[in-house]
Amino acid sequence: VKNLKLAWSYSTRDSGQMQMNPIVVDTIMYGVTAALRAVAIH
């Protein structure tokens, strides 16, 4: 676990508090931004 590295980062373009726990179905991650926009990312 000490060898973990940042694999990727995604900018939501909506800055501010996110309490969101993402979910993943197949290869798609789904979440919600600070401005309550739903997003799907690989």
All heavy atoms as atom14 arrays in JSON, in Angstrom:
{
  "sequence": "VKNLKLAWSYSTRDSGQMQMNPIVVDTIMYGVTAALRAVAIH",
  "atom14_mask": [
    [1, 1, 1, 1, 1, 1, 1, 0, 0, 0, 0, 0, 0, 0],
    [1, 1, 1, 1, 1, 1, 1, 1, 1, 0, 0, 0, 0, 0],
    [1, 1, 1, 1, 1, 1, 1, 1, 0, 0, 0, 0, 0, 0],
    [1, 1, 1, 1, 1, 1, 1, 1, 0, 0, 0, 0, 0, 0],
    [1, 1, 1, 1, 1, 1, 1, 1, 1, 0, 0, 0, 0, 0],
    [1, 1, 1, 1, 1, 1, 1, 1, 0, 0, 0, 0, 0, 0],
    [1, 1, 1, 1, 1, 0, 0, 0, 0, 0, 0, 0, 0, 0],
    [1, 1, 1, 1, 1, 1, 1, 1, 1, 1, 1, 1, 1, 1],
    [1, 1, 1, 1, 1, 1, 0, 0, 0, 0, 0, 0, 0, 0],
    [1, 1, 1, 1, 1, 1, 1, 1, 1, 1, 1, 1, 0, 0],
    [1, 1, 1, 1, 1, 1, 0, 0, 0, 0, 0, 0, 0, 0],
    [1, 1, 1, 1, 1, 1, 1, 0, 0, 0, 0, 0, 0, 0],
    [1, 1, 1, 1, 1, 1, 1, 1, 1, 1, 1, 0, 0, 0],
    [1, 1, 1, 1, 1, 1, 1, 1, 0, 0, 0, 0, 0, 0],
    [1, 1, 1, 1, 1, 1, 0, 0, 0, 0, 0, 0, 0, 0],
    [1, 1, 1, 1, 0, 0, 0, 0, 0, 0, 0, 0, 0, 0],
    [1, 1, 1, 1, 1, 1, 1, 1, 1, 0, 0, 0, 0, 0],
    [1, 1, 1, 1, 1, 1, 1, 1, 0, 0, 0, 0, 0, 0],
    [1, 1, 1, 1, 1, 1, 1, 1, 1, 0, 0, 0, 0, 0],
    [1, 1, 1, 1, 1, 1, 1, 1, 0, 0, 0, 0, 0, 0],
    [1, 1, 1, 1, 1, 1, 1, 1, 0, 0, 0, 0, 0, 0],
    [1, 1, 1, 1, 1, 1, 1, 0, 0, 0, 0, 0, 0, 0],
    [1, 1, 1, 1, 1, 1, 1, 1, 0, 0, 0, 0, 0, 0],
    [1, 1, 1, 1, 1, 1, 1, 0, 0, 0, 0, 0, 0, 0],
    [1, 1, 1, 1, 1, 1, 1, 0, 0, 0, 0, 0, 0, 0],
    [1, 1, 1, 1, 1, 1, 1, 1, 0, 0, 0, 0, 0, 0],
    [1, 1, 1, 1, 1, 1, 1, 0, 0, 0, 0, 0, 0, 0],
    [1, 1, 1, 1, 1, 1, 1, 1, 0, 0, 0, 0, 0, 0],
    [1, 1, 1, 1, 1, 1, 1, 1, 0, 0, 0, 0, 0, 0],
    [1, 1, 1, 1, 1, 1, 1, 1, 1, 1, 1, 1, 0, 0],
    [1, 1, 1, 1, 0, 0, 0, 0, 0, 0, 0, 0, 0, 0],
    [1, 1, 1, 1, 1, 1, 1, 0, 0, 0, 0, 0, 0, 0],
    [1, 1, 1, 1, 1, 1, 1, 0, 0, 0, 0, 0, 0, 0],
    [1, 1, 1, 1, 1, 0, 0, 0, 0, 0, 0, 0, 0, 0],
    [1, 1, 1, 1, 1, 0, 0, 0, 0, 0, 0, 0, 0, 0],
    [1, 1, 1, 1, 1, 1, 1, 1, 0, 0, 0, 0, 0, 0],
    [1, 1, 1, 1, 1, 1, 1, 1, 1, 1, 1, 0, 0, 0],
    [1, 1, 1, 1, 1, 0, 0, 0, 0, 0, 0, 0, 0, 0],
    [1, 1, 1, 1, 1, 1, 1, 0, 0, 0, 0, 0, 0, 0],
    [1, 1, 1, 1, 1, 0, 0, 0, 0, 0, 0, 0, 0, 0],
    [1, 1, 1, 1, 1, 1, 1, 1, 0, 0, 0, 0, 0, 0],
    [1, 1, 1, 1, 1, 1, 1, 1, 1, 1, 0, 0, 0, 0]
  ],
  "atom14_positions": [
    [[0.83, -1.21, 0.0], [0.0, 0.0, 0.0], [0.86, 1.26, 0.0], [0.47, 2.31, -0.53], [-0.98, -0.01, 1.2], [-0.23, 0.09, 2.52], [-2.0, 1.12, 1.08], [0.0, 0.0, 0.0], [0.0, 0.0, 0.0], [0.0, 0.0, 0.0], [0.0, 0.0, 0.0], [0.0, 0.0, 0.0], [0.0, 0.0, 0.0], [0.0, 0.0, 0.0]],
    [[2.06, 1.16, 0.54], [2.97, 2.33, 0.56], [3.41, 2.74, -0.83], [3.94, 3.86, -1.03], [4.19, 2.03, 1.43], [5.07, 0.9, 0.93], [6.24, 0.66, 1.86], [7.14, -0.48, 1.39], [6.45, -1.79, 1.47], [0.0, 0.0, 0.0], [0.0, 0.0, 0.0], [0.0, 0.0, 0.0], [0.0, 0.0, 0.0], [0.0, 0.0, 0.0]],
    [[3.17, 1.87, -1.81], [3.58, 2.17, -3.19], [2.45, 2.76, -4.03], [2.61, 2.92, -5.24], [4.08, 0.89, -3.86], [5.29, 0.31, -3.16], [6.16, 1.06, -2.69], [5.37, -1.02, -3.06], [0.0, 0.0, 0.0], [0.0, 0.0, 0.0], [0.0, 0.0, 0.0], [0.0, 0.0, 0.0], [0.0, 0.0, 0.0], [0.0, 0.0, 0.0]],
    [[1.3, 3.06, -3.41], [0.2, 3.65, -4.18], [0.64, 4.98, -4.79], [1.31, 5.8, -4.16], [-1.0, 3.89, -3.27], [-1.9, 2.69, -2.96], [-3.0, 3.09, -1.99], [-2.5, 2.11, -4.24], [0.0, 0.0, 0.0], [0.0, 0.0, 0.0], [0.0, 0.0, 0.0], [0.0, 0.0, 0.0], [0.0, 0.0, 0.0], [0.0, 0.0, 0.0]],
    [[0.19, 5.2, -6.05], [0.48, 6.43, -6.77], [-0.81, 6.98, -7.36], [-1.78, 6.25, -7.59], [1.48, 6.17, -7.91], [2.79, 5.55, -7.49], [3.61, 6.49, -6.6], [4.95, 5.85, -6.24], [5.71, 6.69, -5.28], [0.0, 0.0, 0.0], [0.0, 0.0, 0.0], [0.0, 0.0, 0.0], [0.0, 0.0, 0.0], [0.0, 0.0, 0.0]],
    [[-0.79, 8.28, -7.61], [-1.93, 8.9, -8.28], [-2.04, 8.32, -9.68], [-1.11, 8.42, -10.48], [-1.74, 10.41, -8.34], [-2.89, 11.22, -8.96], [-4.14, 11.15, -8.1], [-2.46, 12.68, -9.15], [0.0, 0.0, 0.0], [0.0, 0.0, 0.0], [0.0, 0.0, 0.0], [0.0, 0.0, 0.0], [0.0, 0.0, 0.0], [0.0, 0.0, 0.0]],
    [[-3.19, 7.69, -9.96], [-3.4, 7.08, -11.28], [-4.02, 8.05, -12.26], [-3.66, 8.08, -13.44], [-4.29, 5.83, -11.15], [0.0, 0.0, 0.0], [0.0, 0.0, 0.0], [0.0, 0.0, 0.0], [0.0, 0.0, 0.0], [0.0, 0.0, 0.0], [0.0, 0.0, 0.0], [0.0, 0.0, 0.0], [0.0, 0.0, 0.0], [0.0, 0.0, 0.0]],
    [[-4.97, 8.85, -11.81], [-5.59, 9.87, -12.65], [-6.32, 10.88, -11.77], [-6.61, 10.61, -10.6], [-6.53, 9.29, -13.7], [-7.66, 8.41, -13.19], [-7.72, 7.05, -13.21], [-8.91, 8.84, -12.64], [-8.9, 6.6, -12.69], [-9.67, 7.67, -12.34], [-9.48, 10.07, -12.36], [-10.95, 7.73, -11.77], [-10.75, 10.14, -11.8], [-11.48, 8.97, -11.51]],
    [[-6.59, 12.02, -12.34], [-7.43, 13.02, -11.67], [-8.37, 13.62, -12.7], [-8.05, 13.73, -13.88], [-6.59, 14.11, -11.0], [-5.9, 14.87, -11.98], [0.0, 0.0, 0.0], [0.0, 0.0, 0.0], [0.0, 0.0, 0.0], [0.0, 0.0, 0.0], [0.0, 0.0, 0.0], [0.0, 0.0, 0.0], [0.0, 0.0, 0.0], [0.0, 0.0, 0.0]],
    [[-9.54, 13.99, -12.23], [-10.57, 14.57, -13.1], [-11.04, 15.88, -12.49], [-11.41, 15.93, -11.31], [-11.74, 13.6, -13.25], [-13.0, 14.23, -13.82], [-13.1, 14.55, -15.16], [-14.1, 14.48, -13.0], [-14.26, 15.13, -15.68], [-15.25, 15.05, -13.51], [-15.33, 15.38, -14.84], [-16.48, 15.95, -15.34], [0.0, 0.0, 0.0], [0.0, 0.0, 0.0]],
    [[-11.01, 16.94, -13.26], [-11.51, 18.24, -12.81], [-12.99, 18.36, -13.15], [-13.38, 18.3, -14.33], [-10.73, 19.38, -13.47], [-11.34, 20.62, -13.18], [0.0, 0.0, 0.0], [0.0, 0.0, 0.0], [0.0, 0.0, 0.0], [0.0, 0.0, 0.0], [0.0, 0.0, 0.0], [0.0, 0.0, 0.0], [0.0, 0.0, 0.0], [0.0, 0.0, 0.0]],
    [[-13.81, 18.54, -12.14], [-15.26, 18.67, -12.36], [-15.64, 20.04, -12.91], [-16.75, 20.23, -13.39], [-16.03, 18.46, -11.05], [-15.77, 19.56, -10.16], [-15.63, 17.16, -10.38], [0.0, 0.0, 0.0], [0.0, 0.0, 0.0], [0.0, 0.0, 0.0], [0.0, 0.0, 0.0], [0.0, 0.0, 0.0], [0.0, 0.0, 0.0], [0.0, 0.0, 0.0]],
    [[-14.75, 21.0, -12.75], [-14.97, 22.39, -13.18], [-16.02, 23.1, -12.33], [-16.46, 24.2, -12.67], [-15.31, 22.47, -14.67], [-14.31, 21.74, -15.55], [-14.51, 21.95, -17.03], [-15.76, 21.44, -17.56], [-16.0, 20.16, -17.82], [-15.07, 19.25, -17.55], [-17.16, 19.78, -18.33], [0.0, 0.0, 0.0], [0.0, 0.0, 0.0], [0.0, 0.0, 0.0]],
    [[-16.42, 22.5, -11.22], [-17.33, 23.12, -10.25], [-16.66, 23.04, -8.89], [-16.65, 22.0, -8.25], [-18.68, 22.37, -10.2], [-19.48, 22.51, -11.47], [-19.4, 23.57, -12.11], [-20.2, 21.55, -11.82], [0.0, 0.0, 0.0], [0.0, 0.0, 0.0], [0.0, 0.0, 0.0], [0.0, 0.0, 0.0], [0.0, 0.0, 0.0], [0.0, 0.0, 0.0]],
    [[-16.07, 24.13, -8.45], [-15.28, 24.11, -7.23], [-16.16, 24.2, -6.0], [-17.12, 24.98, -5.95], [-14.29, 25.29, -7.24], [-13.49, 25.28, -6.1], [0.0, 0.0, 0.0], [0.0, 0.0, 0.0], [0.0, 0.0, 0.0], [0.0, 0.0, 0.0], [0.0, 0.0, 0.0], [0.0, 0.0, 0.0], [0.0, 0.0, 0.0], [0.0, 0.0, 0.0]],
    [[-15.84, 23.4, -4.99], [-16.56, 23.47, -3.73], [-16.85, 22.1, -3.16], [-16.52, 21.07, -3.74], [0.0, 0.0, 0.0], [0.0, 0.0, 0.0], [0.0, 0.0, 0.0], [0.0, 0.0, 0.0], [0.0, 0.0, 0.0], [0.0, 0.0, 0.0], [0.0, 0.0, 0.0], [0.0, 0.0, 0.0], [0.0, 0.0, 0.0], [0.0, 0.0, 0.0]],
    [[-17.5, 22.1, -2.02], [-17.69, 20.87, -1.24], [-18.38, 19.77, -2.03], [-19.44, 19.97, -2.6], [-18.51, 21.19, 0.02], [-18.64, 20.0, 0.94], [-19.41, 20.31, 2.2], [-19.71, 19.41, 2.97], [-19.74, 21.57, 2.45], [0.0, 0.0, 0.0], [0.0, 0.0, 0.0], [0.0, 0.0, 0.0], [0.0, 0.0, 0.0], [0.0, 0.0, 0.0]],
    [[-17.76, 18.59, -2.04], [-18.35, 17.38, -2.61], [-18.37, 16.31, -1.53], [-17.32, 15.87, -1.08], [-17.55, 16.88, -3.82], [-17.67, 17.74, -5.07], [-16.84, 17.0, -6.5], [-15.11, 17.35, -6.09], [0.0, 0.0, 0.0], [0.0, 0.0, 0.0], [0.0, 0.0, 0.0], [0.0, 0.0, 0.0], [0.0, 0.0, 0.0], [0.0, 0.0, 0.0]],
    [[-19.55, 15.89, -1.13], [-19.69, 14.8, -0.16], [-19.92, 13.48, -0.87], [-20.2, 12.46, -0.25], [-20.85, 15.11, 0.79], [-20.65, 16.38, 1.6], [-21.83, 16.72, 2.49], [-22.86, 16.04, 2.48], [-21.7, 17.78, 3.26], [0.0, 0.0, 0.0], [0.0, 0.0, 0.0], [0.0, 0.0, 0.0], [0.0, 0.0, 0.0], [0.0, 0.0, 0.0]],
    [[-19.75, 13.48, -2.16], [-20.15, 12.39, -3.04], [-19.26, 11.16, -2.93], [-18.04, 11.24, -2.93], [-20.13, 12.95, -4.47], [-20.44, 11.96, -5.56], [-18.94, 11.21, -6.28], [-18.11, 12.64, -6.94], [0.0, 0.0, 0.0], [0.0, 0.0, 0.0], [0.0, 0.0, 0.0], [0.0, 0.0, 0.0], [0.0, 0.0, 0.0], [0.0, 0.0, 0.0]],
    [[-19.93, 10.0, -2.79], [-19.26, 8.7, -2.86], [-19.52, 8.15, -4.26], [-20.66, 7.79, -4.58], [-19.82, 7.76, -1.8], [-19.29, 6.34, -1.92], [-20.04, 5.39, -2.06], [-17.98, 6.19, -1.86], [0.0, 0.0, 0.0], [0.0, 0.0, 0.0], [0.0, 0.0, 0.0], [0.0, 0.0, 0.0], [0.0, 0.0, 0.0], [0.0, 0.0, 0.0]],
    [[-18.51, 8.1, -5.15], [-18.75, 7.65, -6.52], [-19.19, 6.19, -6.55], [-18.88, 5.41, -5.65], [-17.39, 7.82, -7.21], [-16.52, 8.55, -6.25], [-17.08, 8.35, -4.89], [0.0, 0.0, 0.0], [0.0, 0.0, 0.0], [0.0, 0.0, 0.0], [0.0, 0.0, 0.0], [0.0, 0.0, 0.0], [0.0, 0.0, 0.0], [0.0, 0.0, 0.0]],
    [[-19.92, 5.83, -7.6], [-20.18, 4.41, -7.86], [-19.55, 4.06, -9.2], [-19.31, 4.94, -10.04], [-21.68, 4.08, -7.85], [-22.42, 4.75, -9.02], [-22.31, 4.45, -6.52], [-23.85, 4.27, -9.19], [0.0, 0.0, 0.0], [0.0, 0.0, 0.0], [0.0, 0.0, 0.0], [0.0, 0.0, 0.0], [0.0, 0.0, 0.0], [0.0, 0.0, 0.0]],
    [[-19.28, 2.76, -9.4], [-18.64, 2.29, -10.64], [-19.43, 1.1, -11.15], [-19.67, 0.13, -10.42], [-17.18, 1.89, -10.4], [-16.56, 1.35, -11.69], [-16.37, 3.09, -9.89], [0.0, 0.0, 0.0], [0.0, 0.0, 0.0], [0.0, 0.0, 0.0], [0.0, 0.0, 0.0], [0.0, 0.0, 0.0], [0.0, 0.0, 0.0], [0.0, 0.0, 0.0]],
    [[-19.85, 1.19, -12.42], [-20.55, 0.09, -13.08], [-19.77, -0.26, -14.34], [-19.57, 0.6, -15.21], [-22.0, 0.47, -13.43], [-22.71, -0.69, -14.11], [-22.76, 0.9, -12.17], [0.0, 0.0, 0.0], [0.0, 0.0, 0.0], [0.0, 0.0, 0.0], [0.0, 0.0, 0.0], [0.0, 0.0, 0.0], [0.0, 0.0, 0.0], [0.0, 0.0, 0.0]],
    [[-19.32, -1.49, -14.44], [-18.43, -1.9, -15.52], [-17.18, -1.01, -15.49], [-16.45, -1.05, -14.52], [-19.17, -1.86, -16.86], [-20.34, -2.84, -16.9], [-20.22, -3.93, -16.29], [-21.38, -2.52, -17.49], [0.0, 0.0, 0.0], [0.0, 0.0, 0.0], [0.0, 0.0, 0.0], [0.0, 0.0, 0.0], [0.0, 0.0, 0.0], [0.0, 0.0, 0.0]],
    [[-16.98, -0.19, -16.5], [-15.79, 0.67, -16.51], [-16.14, 2.14, -16.33], [-15.29, 3.01, -16.52], [-15.03, 0.52, -17.84], [-15.91, 0.93, -18.92], [-14.58, -0.91, -18.06], [0.0, 0.0, 0.0], [0.0, 0.0, 0.0], [0.0, 0.0, 0.0], [0.0, 0.0, 0.0], [0.0, 0.0, 0.0], [0.0, 0.0, 0.0], [0.0, 0.0, 0.0]],
    [[-17.38, 2.44, -15.94], [-17.83, 3.84, -15.85], [-18.05, 4.23, -14.39], [-18.73, 3.55, -13.64], [-19.12, 4.06, -16.66], [-18.92, 3.66, -18.12], [-19.54, 5.52, -16.58], [-20.17, 3.8, -18.97], [0.0, 0.0, 0.0], [0.0, 0.0, 0.0], [0.0, 0.0, 0.0], [0.0, 0.0, 0.0], [0.0, 0.0, 0.0], [0.0, 0.0, 0.0]],
    [[-17.46, 5.35, -14.02], [-17.69, 5.95, -12.7], [-18.73, 7.05, -12.83], [-18.68, 7.87, -13.76], [-16.39, 6.54, -12.15], [-16.56, 7.27, -10.81], [-15.01, 7.96, -10.18], [-14.19, 6.46, -9.65], [0.0, 0.0, 0.0], [0.0, 0.0, 0.0], [0.0, 0.0, 0.0], [0.0, 0.0, 0.0], [0.0, 0.0, 0.0], [0.0, 0.0, 0.0]],
    [[-19.66, 7.07, -11.88], [-20.71, 8.08, -11.86], [-20.63, 8.87, -10.55], [-20.41, 8.3, -9.48], [-22.09, 7.43, -11.95], [-22.31, 6.61, -13.2], [-22.12, 5.23, -13.19], [-22.71, 7.21, -14.39], [-22.33, 4.47, -14.33], [-22.91, 6.46, -15.54], [-22.72, 5.09, -15.5], [-22.93, 4.34, -16.64], [0.0, 0.0, 0.0], [0.0, 0.0, 0.0]],
    [[-20.82, 10.18, -10.66], [-20.79, 11.02, -9.47], [-21.52, 12.33, -9.7], [-22.15, 12.54, -10.75], [0.0, 0.0, 0.0], [0.0, 0.0, 0.0], [0.0, 0.0, 0.0], [0.0, 0.0, 0.0], [0.0, 0.0, 0.0], [0.0, 0.0, 0.0], [0.0, 0.0, 0.0], [0.0, 0.0, 0.0], [0.0, 0.0, 0.0], [0.0, 0.0, 0.0]],
    [[-21.41, 13.22, -8.73], [-22.1, 14.51, -8.77], [-21.11, 15.59, -8.35], [-20.38, 15.43, -7.36], [-23.32, 14.52, -7.83], [-24.08, 15.84, -7.95], [-24.25, 13.36, -8.13], [0.0, 0.0, 0.0], [0.0, 0.0, 0.0], [0.0, 0.0, 0.0], [0.0, 0.0, 0.0], [0.0, 0.0, 0.0], [0.0, 0.0, 0.0], [0.0, 0.0, 0.0]],
    [[-21.09, 16.7, -9.06], [-20.16, 17.78, -8.77], [-20.69, 18.68, -7.66], [-21.82, 18.53, -7.19], [-19.9, 18.63, -10.02], [-21.06, 19.46, -10.27], [-19.63, 17.78, -11.24], [0.0, 0.0, 0.0], [0.0, 0.0, 0.0], [0.0, 0.0, 0.0], [0.0, 0.0, 0.0], [0.0, 0.0, 0.0], [0.0, 0.0, 0.0], [0.0, 0.0, 0.0]],
    [[-19.87, 19.66, -7.29], [-20.27, 20.61, -6.26], [-21.49, 21.44, -6.66], [-22.22, 21.94, -5.81], [-19.11, 21.54, -5.92], [0.0, 0.0, 0.0], [0.0, 0.0, 0.0], [0.0, 0.0, 0.0], [0.0, 0.0, 0.0], [0.0, 0.0, 0.0], [0.0, 0.0, 0.0], [0.0, 0.0, 0.0], [0.0, 0.0, 0.0], [0.0, 0.0, 0.0]],
    [[-21.72, 21.6, -7.96], [-22.88, 22.34, -8.45], [-24.03, 21.41, -8.84], [-24.94, 21.81, -9.56], [-22.48, 23.21, -9.65], [0.0, 0.0, 0.0], [0.0, 0.0, 0.0], [0.0, 0.0, 0.0], [0.0, 0.0, 0.0], [0.0, 0.0, 0.0], [0.0, 0.0, 0.0], [0.0, 0.0, 0.0], [0.0, 0.0, 0.0], [0.0, 0.0, 0.0]],
    [[-23.96, 20.18, -8.37], [-25.01, 19.17, -8.59], [-25.2, 18.82, -10.05], [-26.32, 18.59, -10.51], [-26.35, 19.63, -7.98], [-26.36, 19.88, -6.48], [-27.79, 19.98, -5.97], [-25.61, 18.8, -5.71], [0.0, 0.0, 0.0], [0.0, 0.0, 0.0], [0.0, 0.0, 0.0], [0.0, 0.0, 0.0], [0.0, 0.0, 0.0], [0.0, 0.0, 0.0]],
    [[-24.1, 18.74, -10.8], [-24.16, 18.19, -12.15], [-23.73, 16.72, -12.07], [-22.73, 16.39, -11.44], [-23.22, 18.94, -13.09], [-23.42, 20.45, -13.11], [-22.48, 21.07, -14.14], [-22.01, 22.36, -13.76], [-22.6, 23.52, -14.09], [-23.7, 23.51, -14.79], [-22.08, 24.67, -13.7], [0.0, 0.0, 0.0], [0.0, 0.0, 0.0], [0.0, 0.0, 0.0]],
    [[-24.5, 15.85, -12.7], [-24.13, 14.44, -12.75], [-23.07, 14.25, -13.83], [-23.16, 14.85, -14.91], [-25.35, 13.58, -13.05], [0.0, 0.0, 0.0], [0.0, 0.0, 0.0], [0.0, 0.0, 0.0], [0.0, 0.0, 0.0], [0.0, 0.0, 0.0], [0.0, 0.0, 0.0], [0.0, 0.0, 0.0], [0.0, 0.0, 0.0], [0.0, 0.0, 0.0]],
    [[-22.07, 13.41, -13.54], [-21.0, 13.17, -14.51], [-20.73, 11.67, -14.6], [-20.9, 10.93, -13.64], [-19.7, 13.92, -14.14], [-19.89, 15.42, -14.23], [-19.21, 13.52, -12.75], [0.0, 0.0, 0.0], [0.0, 0.0, 0.0], [0.0, 0.0, 0.0], [0.0, 0.0, 0.0], [0.0, 0.0, 0.0], [0.0, 0.0, 0.0], [0.0, 0.0, 0.0]],
    [[-20.29, 11.26, -15.8], [-19.81, 9.9, -16.03], [-18.39, 10.0, -16.57], [-18.14, 10.76, -17.52], [-20.7, 9.16, -17.02], [0.0, 0.0, 0.0], [0.0, 0.0, 0.0], [0.0, 0.0, 0.0], [0.0, 0.0, 0.0], [0.0, 0.0, 0.0], [0.0, 0.0, 0.0], [0.0, 0.0, 0.0], [0.0, 0.0, 0.0], [0.0, 0.0, 0.0]],
    [[-17.46, 9.27, -15.95], [-16.07, 9.3, -16.4], [-15.56, 7.86, -16.47], [-16.08, 6.97, -15.8], [-15.18, 10.15, -15.47], [-15.24, 9.63, -14.03], [-15.58, 11.6, -15.51], [-14.42, 10.44, -13.05], [0.0, 0.0, 0.0], [0.0, 0.0, 0.0], [0.0, 0.0, 0.0], [0.0, 0.0, 0.0], [0.0, 0.0, 0.0], [0.0, 0.0, 0.0]],
    [[-14.56, 7.67, -17.3], [-13.97, 6.33, -17.4], [-13.22, 6.05, -16.1], [-12.33, 6.81, -15.7], [-13.03, 6.24, -18.6], [-12.6, 4.83, -18.9], [-11.64, 4.17, -18.15], [-13.0, 3.94, -19.84], [-11.46, 2.96, -18.62], [-12.29, 2.78, -19.66], [0.0, 0.0, 0.0], [0.0, 0.0, 0.0], [0.0, 0.0, 0.0], [0.0, 0.0, 0.0]]
  ]
}
